[in-house]
């Protein structure tokens, strides 16, 4: 049995040329490993430094903008309703809107039992008539008003 194994090993050794057999400690292998390691460290350091200095930022922002534009437009949230004051409303009711008109608008919205009402309106003073009703409506728990 040993003789057969020796014969097989001897034939295999003749097939493989000695210059292709590198032991792990050979100088060529160590030199190649050093080159690969140093190249990797240098490349990684350069890329990290370039990124840290903001070198990739324009490309990243361009790509981000492009990907955001590719997304489909979101459909409006069915739970959200926006009530706006248009130029036609201002022509019809005047500016600034009277406190009574705003109070009636907020009362009409409260009928539908919203969870939250957000009010963003630029006004510096109360405009009678209806100031008391507006103050009452502004005191509602579900109303958030922007104050200036």
C-alpha atoms as a PDB file:
ATOM      1  CA  UNK A   1       0.000   0.000   0.000  1.00  0.00           C
ATOM      2  CA  UNK A   2       2.827   2.373   0.872  1.00  0.00           C
ATOM      3  CA  UNK A   3       4.549   1.623  -2.386  1.00  0.00           C
ATOM      4  CA  UNK A   4       1.422   2.517  -4.358  1.00  0.00           C
ATOM      5  CA  UNK A   5       1.057   5.850  -2.519  1.00  0.00           C
ATOM      6  CA  UNK A   6       4.724   6.660  -3.095  1.00  0.00           C
ATOM      7  CA  UNK A   7       4.301   5.959  -6.802  1.00  0.00           C
ATOM      8  CA  UNK A   8       1.227   8.214  -7.045  1.00  0.00           C
ATOM      9  CA  UNK A   9       2.949  11.037  -5.155  1.00  0.00           C
ATOM     10  CA  UNK A  10       6.048  10.706  -7.344  1.00  0.00           C
ATOM     11  CA  UNK A  11       3.944  10.890 -10.539  1.00  0.00           C
ATOM     12  CA  UNK A  12       2.026  13.931  -9.238  1.00  0.00           C
ATOM     13  CA  UNK A  13       5.245  15.713  -8.352  1.00  0.00           C
ATOM     14  CA  UNK A  14       6.518  15.229 -11.878  1.00  0.00           C
ATOM     15  CA  UNK A  15       3.296  16.725 -13.280  1.00  0.00           C
ATOM     16  CA  UNK A  16       3.505  19.899 -11.164  1.00  0.00           C
ATOM     17  CA  UNK A  17       6.445  22.078 -12.045  1.00  0.00           C
ATOM     18  CA  UNK A  18       8.467  23.186  -9.004  1.00  0.00           C
ATOM     19  CA  UNK A  19       8.336  26.913  -9.903  1.00  0.00           C
ATOM     20  CA  UNK A  20       4.553  26.922  -9.271  1.00  0.00           C
ATOM     21  CA  UNK A  21       4.920  25.522  -5.760  1.00  0.00           C
ATOM     22  CA  UNK A  22       5.414  28.370  -3.270  1.00  0.00           C
ATOM     23  CA  UNK A  23       5.697  27.599   0.404  1.00  0.00           C
ATOM     24  CA  UNK A  24       3.920  30.145   2.629  1.00  0.00           C
ATOM     25  CA  UNK A  25       7.158  31.717   3.763  1.00  0.00           C
ATOM     26  CA  UNK A  26       8.693  32.256   0.324  1.00  0.00           C
ATOM     27  CA  UNK A  27      10.114  35.746  -0.365  1.00  0.00           C
ATOM     28  CA  UNK A  28       7.945  36.244  -3.458  1.00  0.00           C
ATOM     29  CA  UNK A  29       4.750  35.565  -1.533  1.00  0.00           C
ATOM     30  CA  UNK A  30       5.734  37.860   1.344  1.00  0.00           C
ATOM     31  CA  UNK A  31       6.685  40.669  -1.073  1.00  0.00           C
ATOM     32  CA  UNK A  32       3.379  40.300  -2.943  1.00  0.00           C
ATOM     33  CA  UNK A  33       1.416  40.344   0.319  1.00  0.00           C
ATOM     34  CA  UNK A  34       3.203  43.534   1.407  1.00  0.00           C
ATOM     35  CA  UNK A  35       2.357  45.242  -1.888  1.00  0.00           C
ATOM     36  CA  UNK A  36      -1.306  44.239  -1.633  1.00  0.00           C
ATOM     37  CA  UNK A  37      -1.535  45.350   2.020  1.00  0.00           C
ATOM     38  CA  UNK A  38       0.141  48.721   1.404  1.00  0.00           C
ATOM     39  CA  UNK A  39      -1.969  49.368  -1.708  1.00  0.00           C
ATOM     40  CA  UNK A  40      -5.149  48.581   0.215  1.00  0.00           C
ATOM     41  CA  UNK A  41      -4.206  50.842   3.127  1.00  0.00           C
ATOM     42  CA  UNK A  42      -3.165  53.700   0.840  1.00  0.00           C
ATOM     43  CA  UNK A  43      -6.290  53.429  -1.315  1.00  0.00           C
ATOM     44  CA  UNK A  44      -8.592  53.211   1.707  1.00  0.00           C
ATOM     45  CA  UNK A  45      -6.910  56.184   3.373  1.00  0.00           C
ATOM     46  CA  UNK A  46      -7.150  58.311   0.223  1.00  0.00           C
ATOM     47  CA  UNK A  47     -10.827  57.493  -0.334  1.00  0.00           C
ATOM     48  CA  UNK A  48     -11.681  58.108   3.337  1.00  0.00           C
ATOM     49  CA  UNK A  49      -9.797  61.415   3.357  1.00  0.00           C
ATOM     50  CA  UNK A  50     -11.420  62.545   0.110  1.00  0.00           C
ATOM     51  CA  UNK A  51     -14.847  61.728   1.522  1.00  0.00           C
ATOM     52  CA  UNK A  52     -14.074  63.457   4.838  1.00  0.00           C
ATOM     53  CA  UNK A  53     -13.029  66.622   2.982  1.00  0.00           C
ATOM     54  CA  UNK A  54     -16.334  66.612   1.060  1.00  0.00           C
ATOM     55  CA  UNK A  55     -14.915  65.532  -2.265  1.00  0.00           C
ATOM     56  CA  UNK A  56     -17.781  63.154  -2.985  1.00  0.00           C
ATOM     57  CA  UNK A  57     -20.538  65.490  -1.755  1.00  0.00           C
ATOM     58  CA  UNK A  58     -21.512  67.043  -5.122  1.00  0.00           C
ATOM     59  CA  UNK A  59     -21.823  63.606  -6.707  1.00  0.00           C
ATOM     60  CA  UNK A  60     -23.744  62.266  -3.701  1.00  0.00           C
ATOM     61  CA  UNK A  61     -26.187  65.199  -3.768  1.00  0.00           C
ATOM     62  CA  UNK A  62     -26.686  64.902  -7.514  1.00  0.00           C
ATOM     63  CA  UNK A  63     -27.396  61.186  -7.194  1.00  0.00           C
ATOM     64  CA  UNK A  64     -29.737  61.736  -4.226  1.00  0.00           C
ATOM     65  CA  UNK A  65     -31.702  64.408  -6.135  1.00  0.00           C
ATOM     66  CA  UNK A  66     -31.919  62.143  -9.160  1.00  0.00           C
ATOM     67  CA  UNK A  67     -33.218  59.216  -7.091  1.00  0.00           C
ATOM     68  CA  UNK A  68     -35.767  61.420  -5.306  1.00  0.00           C
ATOM     69  CA  UNK A  69     -37.048  62.669  -8.677  1.00  0.00           C
ATOM     70  CA  UNK A  70     -37.462  59.065  -9.839  1.00  0.00           C
ATOM     71  CA  UNK A  71     -39.859  58.263  -6.996  1.00  0.00           C
ATOM     72  CA  UNK A  72     -43.564  58.460  -7.814  1.00  0.00           C
ATOM     73  CA  UNK A  73     -45.428  61.448  -6.413  1.00  0.00           C
ATOM     74  CA  UNK A  74     -47.162  60.481  -3.178  1.00  0.00           C
ATOM     75  CA  UNK A  75     -50.928  60.535  -3.202  1.00  0.00           C
ATOM     76  CA  UNK A  76     -52.581  63.013  -0.835  1.00  0.00           C
ATOM     77  CA  UNK A  77     -53.327  61.718   2.634  1.00  0.00           C
ATOM     78  CA  UNK A  78     -57.094  61.087   2.831  1.00  0.00           C
ATOM     79  CA  UNK A  79     -57.027  61.970   6.545  1.00  0.00           C
ATOM     80  CA  UNK A  80     -55.686  65.474   5.887  1.00  0.00           C
ATOM     81  CA  UNK A  81     -57.653  68.437   4.578  1.00  0.00           C
ATOM     82  CA  UNK A  82     -56.203  71.873   3.893  1.00  0.00           C
ATOM     83  CA  UNK A  83     -58.521  74.873   3.891  1.00  0.00           C
ATOM     84  CA  UNK A  84     -56.910  77.932   2.361  1.00  0.00           C
ATOM     85  CA  UNK A  85     -57.859  81.556   1.929  1.00  0.00           C
ATOM     86  CA  UNK A  86     -57.600  82.449  -1.735  1.00  0.00           C
ATOM     87  CA  UNK A  87     -57.302  85.810  -3.455  1.00  0.00           C
ATOM     88  CA  UNK A  88     -60.985  85.502  -4.399  1.00  0.00           C
ATOM     89  CA  UNK A  89     -61.895  85.119  -0.706  1.00  0.00           C
ATOM     90  CA  UNK A  90     -59.931  88.245   0.146  1.00  0.00           C
ATOM     91  CA  UNK A  91     -61.678  90.144  -2.679  1.00  0.00           C
ATOM     92  CA  UNK A  92     -65.087  88.979  -1.429  1.00  0.00           C
ATOM     93  CA  UNK A  93     -64.620  89.365   2.356  1.00  0.00           C
ATOM     94  CA  UNK A  94     -61.814  91.953   2.549  1.00  0.00           C
ATOM     95  CA  UNK A  95     -58.527  91.817   4.394  1.00  0.00           C
ATOM     96  CA  UNK A  96     -58.009  91.272   7.193  1.00  0.00           C
ATOM     97  CA  UNK A  97     -60.878  88.872   7.668  1.00  0.00           C
ATOM     98  CA  UNK A  98     -63.207  89.842  10.495  1.00  0.00           C
ATOM     99  CA  UNK A  99     -63.055  87.959  13.770  1.00  0.00           C
ATOM    100  CA  UNK A 100     -66.675  86.874  13.361  1.00  0.00           C
ATOM    101  CA  UNK A 101     -65.945  85.322   9.966  1.00  0.00           C
ATOM    102  CA  UNK A 102     -62.917  83.425  11.316  1.00  0.00           C
ATOM    103  CA  UNK A 103     -64.922  82.277  14.341  1.00  0.00           C
ATOM    104  CA  UNK A 104     -67.689  80.987  12.035  1.00  0.00           C
ATOM    105  CA  UNK A 105     -65.099  79.192   9.883  1.00  0.00           C
ATOM    106  CA  UNK A 106     -63.513  77.509  12.914  1.00  0.00           C
ATOM    107  CA  UNK A 107     -66.954  76.571  14.276  1.00  0.00           C
ATOM    108  CA  UNK A 108     -67.832  74.989  10.917  1.00  0.00           C
ATOM    109  CA  UNK A 109     -64.588  72.977  11.016  1.00  0.00           C
ATOM    110  CA  UNK A 110     -65.283  71.857  14.603  1.00  0.00           C
ATOM    111  CA  UNK A 111     -68.608  70.342  13.487  1.00  0.00           C
ATOM    112  CA  UNK A 112     -66.636  67.637  11.647  1.00  0.00           C
ATOM    113  CA  UNK A 113     -64.801  66.693  14.891  1.00  0.00           C
ATOM    114  CA  UNK A 114     -61.210  66.928  13.630  1.00  0.00           C
ATOM    115  CA  UNK A 115     -58.408  65.616  15.795  1.00  0.00           C
ATOM    116  CA  UNK A 116     -56.336  68.741  15.164  1.00  0.00           C
ATOM    117  CA  UNK A 117     -56.828  72.097  13.478  1.00  0.00           C
ATOM    118  CA  UNK A 118     -53.756  74.110  12.566  1.00  0.00           C
ATOM    119  CA  UNK A 119     -54.206  77.847  12.012  1.00  0.00           C
ATOM    120  CA  UNK A 120     -51.485  79.905  10.334  1.00  0.00           C
ATOM    121  CA  UNK A 121     -52.786  83.410   9.759  1.00  0.00           C
ATOM    122  CA  UNK A 122     -50.889  86.714   9.899  1.00  0.00           C
ATOM    123  CA  UNK A 123     -52.863  89.132  12.081  1.00  0.00           C
ATOM    124  CA  UNK A 124     -51.624  91.678  14.585  1.00  0.00           C
ATOM    125  CA  UNK A 125     -54.889  92.737  16.266  1.00  0.00           C
ATOM    126  CA  UNK A 126     -58.467  91.620  16.738  1.00  0.00           C
ATOM    127  CA  UNK A 127     -61.003  92.807  14.124  1.00  0.00           C
ATOM    128  CA  UNK A 128     -64.491  93.171  15.598  1.00  0.00           C
ATOM    129  CA  UNK A 129     -67.270  92.206  15.346  1.00  0.00           C
ATOM    130  CA  UNK A 130     -67.055  88.679  16.702  1.00  0.00           C
ATOM    131  CA  UNK A 131     -63.856  88.986  18.744  1.00  0.00           C
ATOM    132  CA  UNK A 132     -65.345  87.153  21.736  1.00  0.00           C
ATOM    133  CA  UNK A 133     -66.466  84.241  19.546  1.00  0.00           C
ATOM    134  CA  UNK A 134     -63.007  84.051  17.952  1.00  0.00           C
ATOM    135  CA  UNK A 135     -61.273  84.010  21.340  1.00  0.00           C
ATOM    136  CA  UNK A 136     -63.613  81.174  22.373  1.00  0.00           C
ATOM    137  CA  UNK A 137     -62.829  79.209  19.201  1.00  0.00           C
ATOM    138  CA  UNK A 138     -59.082  79.788  19.634  1.00  0.00           C
ATOM    139  CA  UNK A 139     -59.345  78.236  23.106  1.00  0.00           C
ATOM    140  CA  UNK A 140     -60.372  74.836  21.690  1.00  0.00           C
ATOM    141  CA  UNK A 141     -58.166  71.935  22.798  1.00  0.00           C
ATOM    142  CA  UNK A 142     -57.667  70.631  19.265  1.00  0.00           C
ATOM    143  CA  UNK A 143     -56.641  73.991  17.755  1.00  0.00           C
ATOM    144  CA  UNK A 144     -53.000  74.908  17.242  1.00  0.00           C
ATOM    145  CA  UNK A 145     -52.497  78.503  16.143  1.00  0.00           C
ATOM    146  CA  UNK A 146     -49.254  80.121  15.005  1.00  0.00           C
ATOM    147  CA  UNK A 147     -48.654  83.230  17.093  1.00  0.00           C
ATOM    148  CA  UNK A 148     -46.693  86.198  15.822  1.00  0.00           C
END
